[in-house]
Amino acid sequence: MRMKTLLACAGVLVSQMAVADALPQRWVSAGGAFSEWVVALGGEGRLVGVDSTSQHPQTLRSLPSVGYQRALAAEGILALKPDILVGSTEMGPPPVLEQLKAAGVRIEMLSAKADVAALQHNLTELGQLLGKQTEAQAQTAGYLKRLQAQADWVKQAQQQHPPPRVLMLLSHSGGNLQVAGKDTLAAWMVEQAGGTSLGEHNGYKPVSNEAMLALDPQVIIFAGGRLESDAARAALLQQNPILAQTRAGRDGRVLVIDPTLLVGGLGPRVPDALSRLCAAFYPDVKTAGISQ
């Protein structure tokens, strides 16, 4: 009887090892949120390369870079001998993806949409590919719990204060400012944190100084550049003095967030960023309910 039990256990172990060996072992990730989720699920050791938006945690910065997620180069990726390339539907260009497929690299394109259903799907897929289904389920449950707690807090805060009018600005490599509009993760974050996003267009687009002044936001959020916090805020107002004439500029309500938060959909750091936005949008409301 004992021998049968030992043989059964050995059979299960061999089966589990076979499944583990069948999973992709060498990963390239293109999209900050996806790379962060691979790490959060315990798969950092499988990453052999990441794109330029994968900056967190800092240990990812020591990995070989395969360039920007929309402008990948097949040669650089193939040199890393990956089993799989994970990214979003924004990943490309298409000819490069076809070249990688022809070379035997598995391509997994996940959703970068800012919604809970996409997040659940992404975590389920990543959990299966990593053999970390239990971890994926736990991460999903904890994430949704935090989002619900924040939504409840916002609902209570808005019973005391009207939602602030918020302008989210994005700058690509020091280029012209773009305003976040509908159907963007930036607008989703503003709304989730209890603000009213002022971008009425779809996606991101440049807006004139006159238009930004006319919008007269109560809060400005800036995502872009390599500077952080006070230095980024000062540079933004120096380069765009018109913003100082808005209500947000006059009241000193100009916030700076990491632009990599906006790449790849809902990433692990988004709830923390939402907590900071909630506190900034409603400074007179206690924030204990949104920190965990």
C-alpha atoms as a PDB file:
ATOM      1  CA  MET A   1       0.000   0.000   0.000  1.00  0.00           C
ATOM      2  CA  ARG A   2       2.794   2.332   0.925  1.00  0.00           C
ATOM      3  CA  MET A   3       4.577   1.541  -2.323  1.00  0.00           C
ATOM      4  CA  LYS A   4       1.436   2.411  -4.290  1.00  0.00           C
ATOM      5  CA  THR A   5       1.200   5.719  -2.449  1.00  0.00           C
ATOM      6  CA  LEU A   6       4.840   6.519  -3.166  1.00  0.00           C
ATOM      7  CA  LEU A   7       4.413   5.647  -6.825  1.00  0.00           C
ATOM      8  CA  ALA A   8       1.296   7.810  -7.030  1.00  0.00           C
ATOM      9  CA  CYS A   9       3.123  10.754  -5.451  1.00  0.00           C
ATOM     10  CA  ALA A  10       6.049  10.255  -7.778  1.00  0.00           C
ATOM     11  CA  GLY A  11       3.674  10.198 -10.738  1.00  0.00           C
ATOM     12  CA  VAL A  12       2.097  13.484  -9.674  1.00  0.00           C
ATOM     13  CA  LEU A  13       5.537  15.062  -9.230  1.00  0.00           C
ATOM     14  CA  VAL A  14       6.693  13.918 -12.657  1.00  0.00           C
ATOM     15  CA  SER A  15       3.462  15.235 -14.174  1.00  0.00           C
ATOM     16  CA  GLN A  16       3.908  18.624 -12.505  1.00  0.00           C
ATOM     17  CA  MET A  17       7.520  18.806 -13.694  1.00  0.00           C
ATOM     18  CA  ALA A  18       6.430  17.985 -17.236  1.00  0.00           C
ATOM     19  CA  VAL A  19       3.849  20.771 -17.154  1.00  0.00           C
ATOM     20  CA  ALA A  20       6.424  23.208 -15.769  1.00  0.00           C
ATOM     21  CA  ASP A  21       8.881  22.289 -18.519  1.00  0.00           C
ATOM     22  CA  ALA A  22       6.183  22.863 -21.142  1.00  0.00           C
ATOM     23  CA  LEU A  23       5.595  26.427 -19.939  1.00  0.00           C
ATOM     24  CA  PRO A  24       7.597  29.217 -21.607  1.00  0.00           C
ATOM     25  CA  GLN A  25      10.801  29.765 -19.637  1.00  0.00           C
ATOM     26  CA  ARG A  26      12.391  32.734 -21.439  1.00  0.00           C
ATOM     27  CA  TRP A  27      10.142  35.795 -21.537  1.00  0.00           C
ATOM     28  CA  VAL A  28      10.292  39.172 -23.239  1.00  0.00           C
ATOM     29  CA  SER A  29       7.662  41.645 -22.044  1.00  0.00           C
ATOM     30  CA  ALA A  30       6.588  44.786 -23.913  1.00  0.00           C
ATOM     31  CA  GLY A  31       4.406  47.078 -21.805  1.00  0.00           C
ATOM     32  CA  GLY A  32       5.100  48.348 -18.297  1.00  0.00           C
ATOM     33  CA  ALA A  33       2.009  46.902 -16.632  1.00  0.00           C
ATOM     34  CA  PHE A  34       2.572  43.433 -18.099  1.00  0.00           C
ATOM     35  CA  SER A  35       6.193  43.344 -16.928  1.00  0.00           C
ATOM     36  CA  GLU A  36       5.132  44.449 -13.457  1.00  0.00           C
ATOM     37  CA  TRP A  37       2.498  41.723 -13.281  1.00  0.00           C
ATOM     38  CA  VAL A  38       5.021  39.066 -14.316  1.00  0.00           C
ATOM     39  CA  VAL A  39       7.173  40.200 -11.384  1.00  0.00           C
ATOM     40  CA  ALA A  40       4.216  40.364  -8.986  1.00  0.00           C
ATOM     41  CA  LEU A  41       3.271  36.800  -9.890  1.00  0.00           C
ATOM     42  CA  GLY A  42       6.768  35.525  -9.166  1.00  0.00           C
ATOM     43  CA  GLY A  43       8.044  35.280 -12.720  1.00  0.00           C
ATOM     44  CA  GLU A  44      10.816  37.892 -12.737  1.00  0.00           C
ATOM     45  CA  GLY A  45      13.462  35.183 -13.087  1.00  0.00           C
ATOM     46  CA  ARG A  46      12.024  34.229 -16.479  1.00  0.00           C
ATOM     47  CA  LEU A  47      12.326  37.703 -17.975  1.00  0.00           C
ATOM     48  CA  VAL A  48      15.264  37.998 -20.371  1.00  0.00           C
ATOM     49  CA  GLY A  49      14.277  41.341 -21.902  1.00  0.00           C
ATOM     50  CA  VAL A  50      11.757  44.168 -21.537  1.00  0.00           C
ATOM     51  CA  ASP A  51      10.674  47.238 -23.470  1.00  0.00           C
ATOM     52  CA  SER A  52      11.531  50.830 -22.583  1.00  0.00           C
ATOM     53  CA  THR A  53       8.288  51.392 -20.630  1.00  0.00           C
ATOM     54  CA  SER A  54       9.121  48.572 -18.188  1.00  0.00           C
ATOM     55  CA  GLN A  55      10.839  50.599 -15.486  1.00  0.00           C
ATOM     56  CA  HIS A  56       9.372  49.100 -12.309  1.00  0.00           C
ATOM     57  CA  PRO A  57      10.603  47.509 -10.173  1.00  0.00           C
ATOM     58  CA  GLN A  58      14.055  48.986 -10.699  1.00  0.00           C
ATOM     59  CA  THR A  59      15.589  45.538 -11.149  1.00  0.00           C
ATOM     60  CA  LEU A  60      13.971  45.426 -14.598  1.00  0.00           C
ATOM     61  CA  ARG A  61      16.204  48.281 -15.723  1.00  0.00           C
ATOM     62  CA  SER A  62      19.206  45.969 -15.687  1.00  0.00           C
ATOM     63  CA  LEU A  63      17.620  43.684 -18.295  1.00  0.00           C
ATOM     64  CA  PRO A  64      18.312  44.091 -22.032  1.00  0.00           C
ATOM     65  CA  SER A  65      15.924  46.581 -23.639  1.00  0.00           C
ATOM     66  CA  VAL A  66      14.062  45.689 -26.817  1.00  0.00           C
ATOM     67  CA  GLY A  67      13.011  49.291 -27.511  1.00  0.00           C
ATOM     68  CA  TYR A  68       9.598  50.914 -27.364  1.00  0.00           C
ATOM     69  CA  GLN A  69       6.581  48.596 -27.434  1.00  0.00           C
ATOM     70  CA  ARG A  70       5.218  50.064 -30.689  1.00  0.00           C
ATOM     71  CA  ALA A  71       8.586  50.009 -32.455  1.00  0.00           C
ATOM     72  CA  LEU A  72      10.124  46.641 -31.630  1.00  0.00           C
ATOM     73  CA  ALA A  73      13.022  45.199 -33.639  1.00  0.00           C
ATOM     74  CA  ALA A  74      13.033  41.488 -34.416  1.00  0.00           C
ATOM     75  CA  GLU A  75      16.825  41.141 -34.353  1.00  0.00           C
ATOM     76  CA  GLY A  76      17.187  42.435 -30.814  1.00  0.00           C
ATOM     77  CA  ILE A  77      14.421  40.188 -29.514  1.00  0.00           C
ATOM     78  CA  LEU A  78      15.619  37.068 -31.332  1.00  0.00           C
ATOM     79  CA  ALA A  79      19.120  37.596 -29.926  1.00  0.00           C
ATOM     80  CA  LEU A  80      17.627  36.945 -26.467  1.00  0.00           C
ATOM     81  CA  LYS A  81      16.264  33.550 -27.619  1.00  0.00           C
ATOM     82  CA  PRO A  82      12.848  34.021 -25.991  1.00  0.00           C
ATOM     83  CA  ASP A  83      10.137  31.403 -25.857  1.00  0.00           C
ATOM     84  CA  ILE A  84       7.427  34.047 -25.619  1.00  0.00           C
ATOM     85  CA  LEU A  85       6.778  37.736 -26.213  1.00  0.00           C
ATOM     86  CA  VAL A  86       4.003  39.227 -24.071  1.00  0.00           C
ATOM     87  CA  GLY A  87       2.475  42.617 -24.799  1.00  0.00           C
ATOM     88  CA  SER A  88      -0.716  44.394 -25.733  1.00  0.00           C
ATOM     89  CA  THR A  89      -2.583  44.914 -28.983  1.00  0.00           C
ATOM     90  CA  GLU A  90      -0.574  48.158 -29.216  1.00  0.00           C
ATOM     91  CA  MET A  91       2.609  46.128 -29.645  1.00  0.00           C
ATOM     92  CA  GLY A  92       4.278  46.149 -33.031  1.00  0.00           C
ATOM     93  CA  PRO A  93       4.909  46.817 -35.807  1.00  0.00           C
ATOM     94  CA  PRO A  94       2.983  43.862 -37.326  1.00  0.00           C
ATOM     95  CA  PRO A  95       5.792  42.760 -39.716  1.00  0.00           C
ATOM     96  CA  VAL A  96       8.115  42.339 -36.734  1.00  0.00           C
ATOM     97  CA  LEU A  97       5.559  40.204 -34.914  1.00  0.00           C
ATOM     98  CA  GLU A  98       5.149  38.035 -37.999  1.00  0.00           C
ATOM     99  CA  GLN A  99       8.913  37.625 -38.254  1.00  0.00           C
ATOM    100  CA  LEU A 100       9.082  36.565 -34.608  1.00  0.00           C
ATOM    101  CA  LYS A 101       6.260  34.071 -35.076  1.00  0.00           C
ATOM    102  CA  ALA A 102       8.028  32.588 -38.088  1.00  0.00           C
ATOM    103  CA  ALA A 103      11.125  32.150 -35.921  1.00  0.00           C
ATOM    104  CA  GLY A 104       9.099  30.147 -33.387  1.00  0.00           C
ATOM    105  CA  VAL A 105       8.504  32.823 -30.747  1.00  0.00           C
ATOM    106  CA  ARG A 106       5.087  32.587 -29.134  1.00  0.00           C
ATOM    107  CA  ILE A 107       3.216  35.912 -29.232  1.00  0.00           C
ATOM    108  CA  GLU A 108       0.663  36.691 -26.531  1.00  0.00           C
ATOM    109  CA  MET A 109      -1.256  39.946 -27.002  1.00  0.00           C
ATOM    110  CA  LEU A 110      -3.283  41.013 -23.977  1.00  0.00           C
ATOM    111  CA  SER A 111      -5.688  43.884 -23.473  1.00  0.00           C
ATOM    112  CA  ALA A 112      -4.482  47.327 -22.420  1.00  0.00           C
ATOM    113  CA  LYS A 113      -8.023  48.541 -21.753  1.00  0.00           C
ATOM    114  CA  ALA A 114      -8.661  50.249 -18.455  1.00  0.00           C
ATOM    115  CA  ASP A 115     -11.391  48.010 -17.134  1.00  0.00           C
ATOM    116  CA  VAL A 116     -11.735  45.277 -14.551  1.00  0.00           C
ATOM    117  CA  ALA A 117     -12.732  42.575 -17.042  1.00  0.00           C
ATOM    118  CA  ALA A 118      -9.517  43.120 -19.021  1.00  0.00           C
ATOM    119  CA  LEU A 119      -7.471  43.006 -15.829  1.00  0.00           C
ATOM    120  CA  GLN A 120      -9.061  39.725 -14.750  1.00  0.00           C
ATOM    121  CA  HIS A 121      -8.442  38.194 -18.179  1.00  0.00           C
ATOM    122  CA  ASN A 122      -4.832  39.362 -18.265  1.00  0.00           C
ATOM    123  CA  LEU A 123      -4.027  37.995 -14.822  1.00  0.00           C
ATOM    124  CA  THR A 124      -5.692  34.690 -15.629  1.00  0.00           C
ATOM    125  CA  GLU A 125      -3.652  34.358 -18.831  1.00  0.00           C
ATOM    126  CA  LEU A 126      -0.380  35.342 -17.185  1.00  0.00           C
ATOM    127  CA  GLY A 127      -1.053  33.021 -14.269  1.00  0.00           C
ATOM    128  CA  GLN A 128      -1.559  30.092 -16.624  1.00  0.00           C
ATOM    129  CA  LEU A 129       1.518  30.894 -18.708  1.00  0.00           C
ATOM    130  CA  LEU A 130       3.665  31.164 -15.588  1.00  0.00           C
ATOM    131  CA  GLY A 131       2.105  28.217 -13.778  1.00  0.00           C
ATOM    132  CA  LYS A 132       1.043  30.680 -11.060  1.00  0.00           C
ATOM    133  CA  GLN A 133      -2.745  30.360 -11.153  1.00  0.00           C
ATOM    134  CA  THR A 134      -3.154  30.545  -7.376  1.00  0.00           C
ATOM    135  CA  GLU A 135      -1.040  33.683  -7.167  1.00  0.00           C
ATOM    136  CA  ALA A 136      -3.011  35.250 -10.027  1.00  0.00           C
ATOM    137  CA  GLN A 137      -6.305  34.598  -8.268  1.00  0.00           C
ATOM    138  CA  ALA A 138      -4.989  36.131  -5.049  1.00  0.00           C
ATOM    139  CA  GLN A 139      -3.651  39.201  -6.865  1.00  0.00           C
ATOM    140  CA  THR A 140      -6.982  39.674  -8.652  1.00  0.00           C
ATOM    141  CA  ALA A 141      -9.014  39.405  -5.456  1.00  0.00           C
ATOM    142  CA  GLY A 142      -6.802  41.861  -3.580  1.00  0.00           C
ATOM    143  CA  TYR A 143      -6.795  44.332  -6.452  1.00  0.00           C
ATOM    144  CA  LEU A 144     -10.578  44.327  -6.847  1.00  0.00           C
ATOM    145  CA  LYS A 145     -11.005  44.747  -3.102  1.00  0.00           C
ATOM    146  CA  ARG A 146      -8.844  47.866  -3.148  1.00  0.00           C
ATOM    147  CA  LEU A 147     -10.685  49.345  -6.137  1.00  0.00           C
ATOM    148  CA  GLN A 148     -14.027  48.786  -4.416  1.00  0.00           C
ATOM    149  CA  ALA A 149     -12.810  50.364  -1.179  1.00  0.00           C
ATOM    150  CA  GLN A 150     -11.600  53.402  -3.129  1.00  0.00           C
ATOM    151  CA  ALA A 151     -14.898  53.658  -5.019  1.00  0.00           C
ATOM    152  CA  ASP A 152     -16.805  53.571  -1.730  1.00  0.00           C
ATOM    153  CA  TRP A 153     -14.556  56.277  -0.297  1.00  0.00           C
ATOM    154  CA  VAL A 154     -15.040  58.479  -3.358  1.00  0.00           C
ATOM    155  CA  LYS A 155     -18.810  58.098  -3.110  1.00  0.00           C
ATOM    156  CA  GLN A 156     -18.732  59.313   0.483  1.00  0.00           C
ATOM    157  CA  ALA A 157     -16.328  62.156  -0.330  1.00  0.00           C
ATOM    158  CA  GLN A 158     -18.617  63.401  -3.103  1.00  0.00           C
ATOM    159  CA  GLN A 159     -21.476  63.661  -0.650  1.00  0.00           C
ATOM    160  CA  GLN A 160     -19.481  66.454   0.984  1.00  0.00           C
ATOM    161  CA  HIS A 161     -17.614  67.985  -1.961  1.00  0.00           C
ATOM    162  CA  PRO A 162     -18.250  68.285  -5.726  1.00  0.00           C
ATOM    163  CA  PRO A 163     -15.813  66.441  -8.002  1.00  0.00           C
ATOM    164  CA  PRO A 164     -12.898  68.626  -9.111  1.00  0.00           C
ATOM    165  CA  ARG A 165     -12.406  69.441 -12.802  1.00  0.00           C
ATOM    166  CA  VAL A 166      -9.183  67.699 -13.804  1.00  0.00           C
ATOM    167  CA  LEU A 167      -6.894  68.110 -16.797  1.00  0.00           C
ATOM    168  CA  MET A 168      -4.473  65.223 -17.426  1.00  0.00           C
ATOM    169  CA  LEU A 169      -1.454  66.215 -19.522  1.00  0.00           C
ATOM    170  CA  LEU A 170       1.013  63.849 -21.148  1.00  0.00           C
ATOM    171  CA  SER A 171       4.371  64.685 -22.692  1.00  0.00           C
ATOM    172  CA  HIS A 172       6.316  62.252 -24.891  1.00  0.00           C
ATOM    173  CA  SER A 173      10.074  62.760 -24.586  1.00  0.00           C
ATOM    174  CA  GLY A 174       9.755  66.470 -23.974  1.00  0.00           C
ATOM    175  CA  GLY A 175       7.430  67.007 -26.948  1.00  0.00           C
ATOM    176  CA  ASN A 176       4.225  69.001 -27.124  1.00  0.00           C
ATOM    177  CA  LEU A 177       1.707  68.501 -24.354  1.00  0.00           C
ATOM    178  CA  GLN A 178      -1.219  66.231 -25.086  1.00  0.00           C
ATOM    179  CA  VAL A 179      -4.489  66.162 -23.204  1.00  0.00           C
ATOM    180  CA  ALA A 180      -5.899  62.800 -22.159  1.00  0.00           C
ATOM    181  CA  GLY A 181      -9.387  62.283 -23.524  1.00  0.00           C
ATOM    182  CA  LYS A 182     -11.988  59.568 -23.442  1.00  0.00           C
ATOM    183  CA  ASP A 183     -11.092  55.896 -23.736  1.00  0.00           C
ATOM    184  CA  THR A 184      -7.720  56.320 -22.024  1.00  0.00           C
ATOM    185  CA  LEU A 185      -6.298  54.881 -18.828  1.00  0.00           C
ATOM    186  CA  ALA A 186      -5.533  58.439 -17.747  1.00  0.00           C
ATOM    187  CA  ALA A 187      -9.200  59.467 -17.938  1.00  0.00           C
ATOM    188  CA  TRP A 188     -10.212  56.245 -16.179  1.00  0.00           C
ATOM    189  CA  MET A 189      -7.850  57.044 -13.302  1.00  0.00           C
ATOM    190  CA  VAL A 190      -9.218  60.577 -12.987  1.00  0.00           C
ATOM    191  CA  GLU A 191     -12.799  59.329 -12.855  1.00  0.00           C
ATOM    192  CA  GLN A 192     -11.967  56.411 -10.535  1.00  0.00           C
ATOM    193  CA  ALA A 193     -10.313  58.828  -8.110  1.00  0.00           C
ATOM    194  CA  GLY A 194     -13.412  61.029  -8.089  1.00  0.00           C
ATOM    195  CA  GLY A 195     -12.515  63.744 -10.565  1.00  0.00           C
ATOM    196  CA  THR A 196     -14.156  64.957 -13.759  1.00  0.00           C
ATOM    197  CA  SER A 197     -11.838  64.509 -16.752  1.00  0.00           C
ATOM    198  CA  LEU A 198     -11.947  67.561 -19.023  1.00  0.00           C
ATOM    199  CA  GLY A 199     -10.751  65.860 -22.202  1.00  0.00           C
ATOM    200  CA  GLU A 200     -13.828  65.480 -24.435  1.00  0.00           C
ATOM    201  CA  HIS A 201     -11.969  63.982 -27.423  1.00  0.00           C
ATOM    202  CA  ASN A 202     -10.947  60.353 -27.821  1.00  0.00           C
ATOM    203  CA  GLY A 203      -7.400  59.292 -26.986  1.00  0.00           C
ATOM    204  CA  TYR A 204      -4.620  61.833 -26.565  1.00  0.00           C
ATOM    205  CA  LYS A 205      -4.329  64.995 -28.636  1.00  0.00           C
ATOM    206  CA  PRO A 206      -2.587  68.371 -28.498  1.00  0.00           C
ATOM    207  CA  VAL A 207      -4.708  71.266 -27.280  1.00  0.00           C
ATOM    208  CA  SER A 208      -3.909  74.949 -27.709  1.00  0.00           C
ATOM    209  CA  ASN A 209      -2.911  77.175 -24.809  1.00  0.00           C
ATOM    210  CA  GLU A 210      -6.118  79.111 -25.260  1.00  0.00           C
ATOM    211  CA  ALA A 211      -8.184  75.932 -24.994  1.00  0.00           C
ATOM    212  CA  MET A 212      -6.396  74.814 -21.822  1.00  0.00           C
ATOM    213  CA  LEU A 213      -6.928  78.242 -20.287  1.00  0.00           C
ATOM    214  CA  ALA A 214     -10.608  78.151 -21.227  1.00  0.00           C
ATOM    215  CA  LEU A 215     -11.019  74.748 -19.569  1.00  0.00           C
ATOM    216  CA  ASP A 216      -9.682  76.330 -16.349  1.00  0.00           C
ATOM    217  CA  PRO A 217      -9.040  73.046 -14.499  1.00  0.00           C
ATOM    218  CA  GLN A 218      -9.098  72.919 -10.716  1.00  0.00           C
ATOM    219  CA  VAL A 219      -6.428  70.201 -10.776  1.00  0.00           C
ATOM    220  CA  ILE A 220      -3.733  69.462 -13.356  1.00  0.00           C
ATOM    221  CA  ILE A 221      -2.026  66.075 -13.502  1.00  0.00           C
ATOM    222  CA  PHE A 222       1.206  65.871 -15.477  1.00  0.00           C
ATOM    223  CA  ALA A 223       2.698  62.607 -16.722  1.00  0.00           C
ATOM    224  CA  GLY A 224       5.859  62.869 -18.755  1.00  0.00           C
ATOM    225  CA  GLY A 225       9.554  63.547 -18.921  1.00  0.00           C
ATOM    226  CA  ARG A 226      12.351  62.229 -16.762  1.00  0.00           C
ATOM    227  CA  LEU A 227      12.010  64.778 -13.985  1.00  0.00           C
ATOM    228  CA  GLU A 228      10.033  63.922 -10.888  1.00  0.00           C
ATOM    229  CA  SER A 229       7.855  65.691  -8.332  1.00  0.00           C
ATOM    230  CA  ASP A 230       8.757  69.358  -7.680  1.00  0.00           C
ATOM    231  CA  ALA A 231      11.324  69.516 -10.494  1.00  0.00           C
ATOM    232  CA  ALA A 232       8.809  68.211 -13.040  1.00  0.00           C
ATOM    233  CA  ARG A 233       6.143  70.576 -11.786  1.00  0.00           C
ATOM    234  CA  ALA A 234       8.465  73.572 -12.010  1.00  0.00           C
ATOM    235  CA  ALA A 235       9.608  72.612 -15.518  1.00  0.00           C
ATOM    236  CA  LEU A 236       6.018  72.162 -16.694  1.00  0.00           C
ATOM    237  CA  LEU A 237       4.964  75.636 -15.514  1.00  0.00           C
ATOM    238  CA  GLN A 238       8.137  77.255 -16.803  1.00  0.00           C
ATOM    239  CA  GLN A 239       7.707  75.770 -20.272  1.00  0.00           C
ATOM    240  CA  ASN A 240       3.942  76.356 -20.322  1.00  0.00           C
ATOM    241  CA  PRO A 241       3.343  79.605 -18.397  1.00  0.00           C
ATOM    242  CA  ILE A 242      -0.295  79.682 -19.531  1.00  0.00           C
ATOM    243  CA  LEU A 243      -0.993  76.871 -17.041  1.00  0.00           C
ATOM    244  CA  ALA A 244      -0.060  79.143 -14.147  1.00  0.00           C
ATOM    245  CA  GLN A 245      -3.087  81.283 -15.056  1.00  0.00           C
ATOM    246  CA  THR A 246      -5.535  78.416 -14.555  1.00  0.00           C
ATOM    247  CA  ARG A 247      -7.228  77.841 -11.234  1.00  0.00           C
ATOM    248  CA  ALA A 248      -5.041  74.770 -10.681  1.00  0.00           C
ATOM    249  CA  GLY A 249      -1.902  76.798 -11.317  1.00  0.00           C
ATOM    250  CA  ARG A 250      -2.974  79.630  -9.042  1.00  0.00           C
ATOM    251  CA  ASP A 251      -3.930  77.241  -6.227  1.00  0.00           C
ATOM    252  CA  GLY A 252      -0.815  75.115  -6.565  1.00  0.00           C
ATOM    253  CA  ARG A 253      -2.782  71.989  -7.439  1.00  0.00           C
ATOM    254  CA  VAL A 254      -0.461  70.575 -10.086  1.00  0.00           C
ATOM    255  CA  LEU A 255       0.307  66.891  -9.532  1.00  0.00           C
ATOM    256  CA  VAL A 256       3.001  64.751 -11.153  1.00  0.00           C
ATOM    257  CA  ILE A 257       2.655  61.022 -11.816  1.00  0.00           C
ATOM    258  CA  ASP A 258       4.917  58.453 -13.425  1.00  0.00           C
ATOM    259  CA  PRO A 259       4.014  58.160 -17.142  1.00  0.00           C
ATOM    260  CA  THR A 260       4.780  54.425 -17.148  1.00  0.00           C
ATOM    261  CA  LEU A 261       1.635  53.971 -15.039  1.00  0.00           C
ATOM    262  CA  LEU A 262      -0.329  54.612 -18.231  1.00  0.00           C
ATOM    263  CA  VAL A 263       1.196  51.818 -20.345  1.00  0.00           C
ATOM    264  CA  GLY A 264      -0.284  48.335 -20.574  1.00  0.00           C
ATOM    265  CA  GLY A 265      -3.585  48.772 -18.786  1.00  0.00           C
ATOM    266  CA  LEU A 266      -4.226  48.367 -15.071  1.00  0.00           C
ATOM    267  CA  GLY A 267      -0.877  47.544 -13.487  1.00  0.00           C
ATOM    268  CA  PRO A 268       0.033  46.670  -9.900  1.00  0.00           C
ATOM    269  CA  ARG A 269       0.897  50.287  -8.963  1.00  0.00           C
ATOM    270  CA  VAL A 270      -2.386  51.807 -10.118  1.00  0.00           C
ATOM    271  CA  PRO A 271      -4.264  51.441  -6.790  1.00  0.00           C
ATOM    272  CA  ASP A 272      -1.472  53.281  -4.953  1.00  0.00           C
ATOM    273  CA  ALA A 273      -1.572  56.049  -7.561  1.00  0.00           C
ATOM    274  CA  LEU A 274      -5.356  56.261  -7.207  1.00  0.00           C
ATOM    275  CA  SER A 275      -4.999  56.666  -3.444  1.00  0.00           C
ATOM    276  CA  ARG A 276      -2.693  59.642  -3.992  1.00  0.00           C
ATOM    277  CA  LEU A 277      -5.101  61.185  -6.503  1.00  0.00           C
ATOM    278  CA  CYS A 278      -8.066  60.701  -4.157  1.00  0.00           C
ATOM    279  CA  ALA A 279      -6.195  62.488  -1.378  1.00  0.00           C
ATOM    280  CA  ALA A 280      -5.252  65.324  -3.746  1.00  0.00           C
ATOM    281  CA  PHE A 281      -8.766  65.687  -5.167  1.00  0.00           C
ATOM    282  CA  TYR A 282     -10.396  65.762  -1.720  1.00  0.00           C
ATOM    283  CA  PRO A 283      -7.759  67.185   0.667  1.00  0.00           C
ATOM    284  CA  ASP A 284     -10.323  67.920   3.381  1.00  0.00           C
ATOM    285  CA  VAL A 285     -11.573  64.321   3.604  1.00  0.00           C
ATOM    286  CA  LYS A 286      -9.835  61.712   5.755  1.00  0.00           C
ATOM    287  CA  THR A 287      -7.986  59.198   3.587  1.00  0.00           C
ATOM    288  CA  ALA A 288      -7.696  56.189   5.909  1.00  0.00           C
ATOM    289  CA  GLY A 289     -10.247  54.250   3.893  1.00  0.00           C
ATOM    290  CA  ILE A 290      -8.314  54.380   0.621  1.00  0.00           C
ATOM    291  CA  SER A 291      -4.789  53.431   1.644  1.00  0.00           C
ATOM    292  CA  GLN A 292      -5.218  49.663   1.898  1.00  0.00           C
END
